[in-house]
Amino acid sequence: MSAAVTMEQGAAEASPRTKARIAAVFYLLEGAPAVFQQAVIARLIVSGDAGATATNILANEMLFRVWFAAALLAVACHIAYTVLFYDLFRVVNRTIALLAAAVSLVACALQAFAALFQLTPLLALEGGTSLGALTPGQAQTLALVSLNLHAQAFNIYLIFFGFWLILTGYLILRSTFFPRIIGALLVLDGLGWATFLWPPLANSLYPVISVVAALAEIPLVLWLLVVGVNGQRWQEQAGNA
């Protein structure tokens, strides 16, 4: 009987740790399309030159389709880790955890909306019954405008992502099962992304925002993957809640 009880306790402690590690995997997968965009797609977009951009898009159609598909998968991963983070941190403060989840789901919706503008350039340049009346020049302009709208929509997504980071950082600071230094860094990280409320300020601070994001989010993911959470303290805080 004692051995059975010990096994049950061990399984209970492993559960939040396992969820933390799964959340980290989804977090990494969700960020992959952004890396792909910066490393590959950004080089194909020529600012202010619709013709050159259109040529690059048509010459790399498969890359753009992969980018769009990856963006949709990123939304699914984002939803998944939103649910897992809520489940992990509801024992700290259920109201704040629920608010963080709601903010994150709004961010997911904006992320999906932004993805639509990734597909529009291909639809415009390839023509079709609905867009066949456009001249080549108009189609090229529409493609470039769509990519610019994608950038603007993604910036709005970053604002809500920043709010989620602030709330999650607060929950980590209040938790007993996670390093509080990571919570403090996440709050700073979130404040940085929230500056996209005023894009000129965000653009001027972007190098600093990127460094703070790396200092906060890389340790977060590594800790979740390697350590997870302290299962015993999580259970204790869950009992107190």
Protein backbone atom coordinates (compact mmCIF):
# COMPACT_ATOMS: atom_id res chain seq x y z
CA MET A 1 0.00 0.00 0.00
CA SER A 2 2.80 2.38 0.89
CA ALA A 3 4.51 1.76 -2.44
CA ALA A 4 1.26 2.43 -4.30
CA VAL A 5 0.76 5.71 -2.46
CA THR A 6 4.34 6.72 -3.26
CA MET A 7 3.80 5.97 -6.96
CA GLU A 8 0.60 8.02 -7.01
CA GLN A 9 2.38 10.93 -5.35
CA GLY A 10 5.21 10.68 -7.84
CA ALA A 11 2.75 10.71 -10.76
CA ALA A 12 0.98 13.73 -9.31
CA GLU A 13 4.30 15.58 -9.00
CA ALA A 14 5.36 14.61 -12.53
CA SER A 15 2.15 15.87 -14.09
CA PRO A 16 2.82 19.64 -13.89
CA ARG A 17 6.47 19.04 -14.83
CA THR A 18 5.40 17.14 -17.94
CA LYS A 19 2.93 19.87 -18.88
CA ALA A 20 5.66 22.47 -18.48
CA ARG A 21 7.94 20.59 -20.86
CA ILE A 22 5.18 20.13 -23.43
CA ALA A 23 4.39 23.86 -23.17
CA ALA A 24 8.06 24.62 -23.89
CA VAL A 25 7.97 22.49 -27.05
CA PHE A 26 4.87 24.29 -28.31
CA TYR A 27 6.46 27.65 -27.41
CA LEU A 28 9.50 26.82 -29.55
CA LEU A 29 7.38 25.62 -32.47
CA GLU A 30 5.22 28.75 -32.31
CA GLY A 31 8.28 30.95 -32.73
CA ALA A 32 9.74 29.04 -35.68
CA PRO A 33 7.76 30.89 -38.42
CA ALA A 34 9.00 34.25 -37.10
CA VAL A 35 12.59 33.03 -37.42
CA PHE A 36 11.84 31.72 -40.92
CA GLN A 37 10.35 35.10 -41.83
CA GLN A 38 13.39 37.04 -40.63
CA ALA A 39 15.92 34.66 -42.15
CA VAL A 40 14.26 33.91 -45.51
CA ILE A 41 11.10 35.84 -46.38
CA ALA A 42 12.36 39.28 -45.35
CA ARG A 43 15.12 39.03 -47.96
CA LEU A 44 12.54 38.60 -50.72
CA ILE A 45 10.57 41.75 -49.87
CA VAL A 46 12.00 44.89 -51.47
CA SER A 47 10.69 47.92 -49.62
CA GLY A 48 8.99 50.40 -51.94
CA ASP A 49 9.51 48.25 -55.04
CA ALA A 50 6.33 46.33 -55.85
CA GLY A 51 7.73 44.94 -59.12
CA ALA A 52 10.87 43.43 -57.60
CA THR A 53 8.89 42.05 -54.67
CA ALA A 54 6.37 40.45 -57.04
CA THR A 55 9.17 38.85 -59.05
CA ASN A 56 10.68 37.39 -55.88
CA ILE A 57 7.32 36.07 -54.70
CA LEU A 58 6.55 34.29 -57.97
CA ALA A 59 10.08 32.87 -58.11
CA ASN A 60 9.73 31.52 -54.56
CA GLU A 61 6.06 30.56 -54.48
CA MET A 62 6.69 27.37 -52.49
CA LEU A 63 8.53 29.31 -49.78
CA PHE A 64 5.56 31.66 -49.37
CA ARG A 65 3.13 28.75 -49.17
CA VAL A 66 5.32 27.06 -46.54
CA TRP A 67 5.45 30.38 -44.63
CA PHE A 68 1.65 30.57 -44.64
CA ALA A 69 1.22 26.95 -43.53
CA ALA A 70 3.81 27.42 -40.78
CA ALA A 71 1.97 30.53 -39.58
CA LEU A 72 -1.26 28.55 -39.19
CA LEU A 73 0.56 25.79 -37.31
CA ALA A 74 2.07 28.48 -35.08
CA VAL A 75 -1.43 29.63 -34.14
CA ALA A 76 -2.33 26.07 -33.12
CA CYS A 77 0.85 25.79 -31.04
CA HIS A 78 0.13 29.17 -29.45
CA ILE A 79 -3.34 28.02 -28.38
CA ALA A 80 -1.85 24.81 -26.97
CA TYR A 81 0.74 26.48 -24.78
CA THR A 82 -1.80 29.11 -23.69
CA VAL A 83 -3.95 26.34 -22.22
CA LEU A 84 -0.95 24.63 -20.62
CA PHE A 85 0.35 27.84 -19.06
CA TYR A 86 -3.10 28.53 -17.62
CA ASP A 87 -3.21 25.06 -16.14
CA LEU A 88 0.24 25.51 -14.59
CA PHE A 89 -0.31 28.96 -13.08
CA ARG A 90 -3.98 28.86 -12.08
CA VAL A 91 -2.80 27.60 -8.68
CA VAL A 92 -1.04 30.95 -8.16
CA ASN A 93 -3.99 33.19 -8.98
CA ARG A 94 -6.86 31.79 -11.00
CA THR A 95 -8.22 35.23 -11.98
CA ILE A 96 -4.90 36.54 -13.30
CA ALA A 97 -4.18 33.22 -15.02
CA LEU A 98 -7.57 33.35 -16.72
CA LEU A 99 -6.98 36.97 -17.77
CA ALA A 100 -3.59 35.99 -19.20
CA ALA A 101 -5.19 33.13 -21.14
CA ALA A 102 -7.88 35.45 -22.52
CA VAL A 103 -5.27 38.00 -23.64
CA SER A 104 -3.24 35.23 -25.25
CA LEU A 105 -6.26 33.93 -27.16
CA VAL A 106 -6.86 37.44 -28.52
CA ALA A 107 -3.22 37.41 -29.61
CA CYS A 108 -3.84 34.06 -31.32
CA ALA A 109 -6.78 35.55 -33.24
CA LEU A 110 -4.64 38.49 -34.37
CA GLN A 111 -1.87 36.07 -35.35
CA ALA A 112 -4.31 34.12 -37.53
CA PHE A 113 -5.65 37.35 -39.05
CA ALA A 114 -2.12 38.49 -39.90
CA ALA A 115 -1.49 35.16 -41.63
CA LEU A 116 -4.22 35.92 -44.17
CA PHE A 117 -2.10 38.74 -45.55
CA GLN A 118 0.68 36.24 -46.23
CA LEU A 119 -1.54 34.41 -48.72
CA THR A 120 -2.99 37.50 -50.42
CA PRO A 121 0.15 38.31 -52.48
CA LEU A 122 0.04 34.89 -54.17
CA LEU A 123 -3.68 35.24 -54.89
CA ALA A 124 -3.16 38.69 -56.38
CA LEU A 125 -0.16 37.81 -58.53
CA GLU A 126 -1.53 34.52 -59.81
CA GLY A 127 -4.80 36.19 -60.77
CA GLY A 128 -8.07 34.28 -61.03
CA THR A 129 -11.71 35.05 -61.67
CA SER A 130 -12.02 37.47 -58.78
CA LEU A 131 -8.75 39.35 -59.41
CA GLY A 132 -8.40 38.94 -63.16
CA ALA A 133 -9.51 42.53 -63.79
CA LEU A 134 -6.38 43.89 -62.09
CA THR A 135 -3.54 45.07 -64.26
CA PRO A 136 -0.09 43.56 -63.55
CA GLY A 137 0.98 46.79 -61.89
CA GLN A 138 -2.11 46.86 -59.66
CA ALA A 139 -1.61 43.21 -58.70
CA GLN A 140 2.01 43.90 -57.79
CA THR A 141 0.99 46.91 -55.68
CA LEU A 142 -1.71 44.86 -53.94
CA ALA A 143 0.85 42.17 -53.13
CA LEU A 144 3.25 44.66 -51.54
CA VAL A 145 0.45 46.41 -49.64
CA SER A 146 -0.71 43.04 -48.30
CA LEU A 147 2.77 42.29 -46.98
CA ASN A 148 2.87 45.71 -45.34
CA LEU A 149 -0.53 45.05 -43.76
CA HIS A 150 0.79 41.72 -42.50
CA ALA A 151 3.62 43.57 -40.76
CA GLN A 152 1.18 46.02 -39.17
CA ALA A 153 -1.20 43.28 -38.04
CA PHE A 154 1.70 41.31 -36.58
CA ASN A 155 2.82 44.39 -34.65
CA ILE A 156 -0.64 44.57 -33.06
CA TYR A 157 -0.31 40.89 -32.18
CA LEU A 158 2.99 41.68 -30.45
CA ILE A 159 1.21 44.19 -28.18
CA PHE A 160 -1.13 41.51 -26.83
CA PHE A 161 1.73 39.03 -26.63
CA GLY A 162 3.53 41.61 -24.51
CA PHE A 163 0.54 41.93 -22.19
CA TRP A 164 0.51 38.12 -21.82
CA LEU A 165 4.20 38.14 -20.92
CA ILE A 166 3.60 40.80 -18.26
CA LEU A 167 0.78 38.80 -16.68
CA THR A 168 2.73 35.54 -16.90
CA GLY A 169 5.78 37.21 -15.39
CA TYR A 170 3.62 38.42 -12.50
CA LEU A 171 2.30 34.89 -11.94
CA ILE A 172 5.85 33.52 -11.90
CA LEU A 173 6.88 36.18 -9.38
CA ARG A 174 4.00 35.10 -7.14
CA SER A 175 4.69 31.39 -7.60
CA THR A 176 6.79 29.19 -5.35
CA PHE A 177 7.71 26.61 -7.99
CA PHE A 178 9.48 28.71 -10.62
CA PRO A 179 12.57 31.01 -10.53
CA ARG A 180 11.35 34.53 -9.84
CA ILE A 181 14.18 36.11 -11.82
CA ILE A 182 12.60 34.69 -14.97
CA GLY A 183 9.29 36.29 -13.97
CA ALA A 184 10.96 39.69 -13.57
CA LEU A 185 12.66 39.35 -16.97
CA LEU A 186 9.35 38.37 -18.60
CA VAL A 187 7.70 41.50 -17.23
CA LEU A 188 10.47 43.62 -18.78
CA ASP A 189 10.16 41.62 -22.00
CA GLY A 190 6.41 42.22 -22.10
CA LEU A 191 6.84 45.95 -21.51
CA GLY A 192 9.20 46.01 -24.47
CA TRP A 193 6.70 44.38 -26.86
CA ALA A 194 3.94 46.61 -25.49
CA THR A 195 5.82 49.64 -26.87
CA PHE A 196 4.39 48.68 -30.27
CA LEU A 197 1.39 50.69 -29.06
CA TRP A 198 3.54 53.51 -30.45
CA PRO A 199 5.42 52.00 -33.44
CA PRO A 200 8.03 54.81 -33.80
CA LEU A 201 9.15 54.20 -30.21
CA ALA A 202 9.16 50.43 -30.71
CA ASN A 203 11.20 50.70 -33.90
CA SER A 204 13.80 52.91 -32.22
CA LEU A 205 14.04 50.55 -29.23
CA TYR A 206 13.88 47.33 -31.25
CA PRO A 207 17.53 46.30 -30.69
CA VAL A 208 17.05 46.65 -26.93
CA ILE A 209 13.67 44.88 -27.06
CA SER A 210 15.24 41.96 -28.93
CA VAL A 211 18.04 41.58 -26.38
CA VAL A 212 15.64 41.69 -23.43
CA ALA A 213 13.36 39.17 -25.18
CA ALA A 214 16.29 36.78 -25.63
CA LEU A 215 17.38 37.21 -21.99
CA ALA A 216 13.85 36.44 -20.79
CA GLU A 217 12.39 33.90 -23.18
CA ILE A 218 15.45 31.68 -23.75
CA PRO A 219 15.86 30.97 -20.00
CA LEU A 220 12.10 30.45 -19.75
CA VAL A 221 12.09 27.76 -22.45
CA LEU A 222 15.28 26.12 -21.22
CA TRP A 223 13.99 25.95 -17.66
CA LEU A 224 10.68 24.48 -18.80
CA LEU A 225 12.45 21.88 -20.95
CA VAL A 226 15.19 20.86 -18.54
CA VAL A 227 13.60 21.33 -15.12
CA GLY A 228 9.89 21.88 -15.74
CA VAL A 229 8.47 23.05 -12.42
CA ASN A 230 9.06 22.02 -8.84
CA GLY A 231 6.28 19.44 -8.54
CA GLN A 232 6.20 19.36 -4.74
CA ARG A 233 5.93 23.14 -4.42
CA TRP A 234 3.32 23.21 -7.19
CA GLN A 235 1.23 20.72 -5.25
CA GLU A 236 1.67 22.74 -2.06
CA GLN A 237 0.60 25.96 -3.74
CA ALA A 238 -2.31 24.14 -5.38
CA GLY A 239 -3.38 22.92 -1.94
CA ASN A 240 -3.18 26.42 -0.50
CA ALA A 241 -5.21 27.78 -3.43
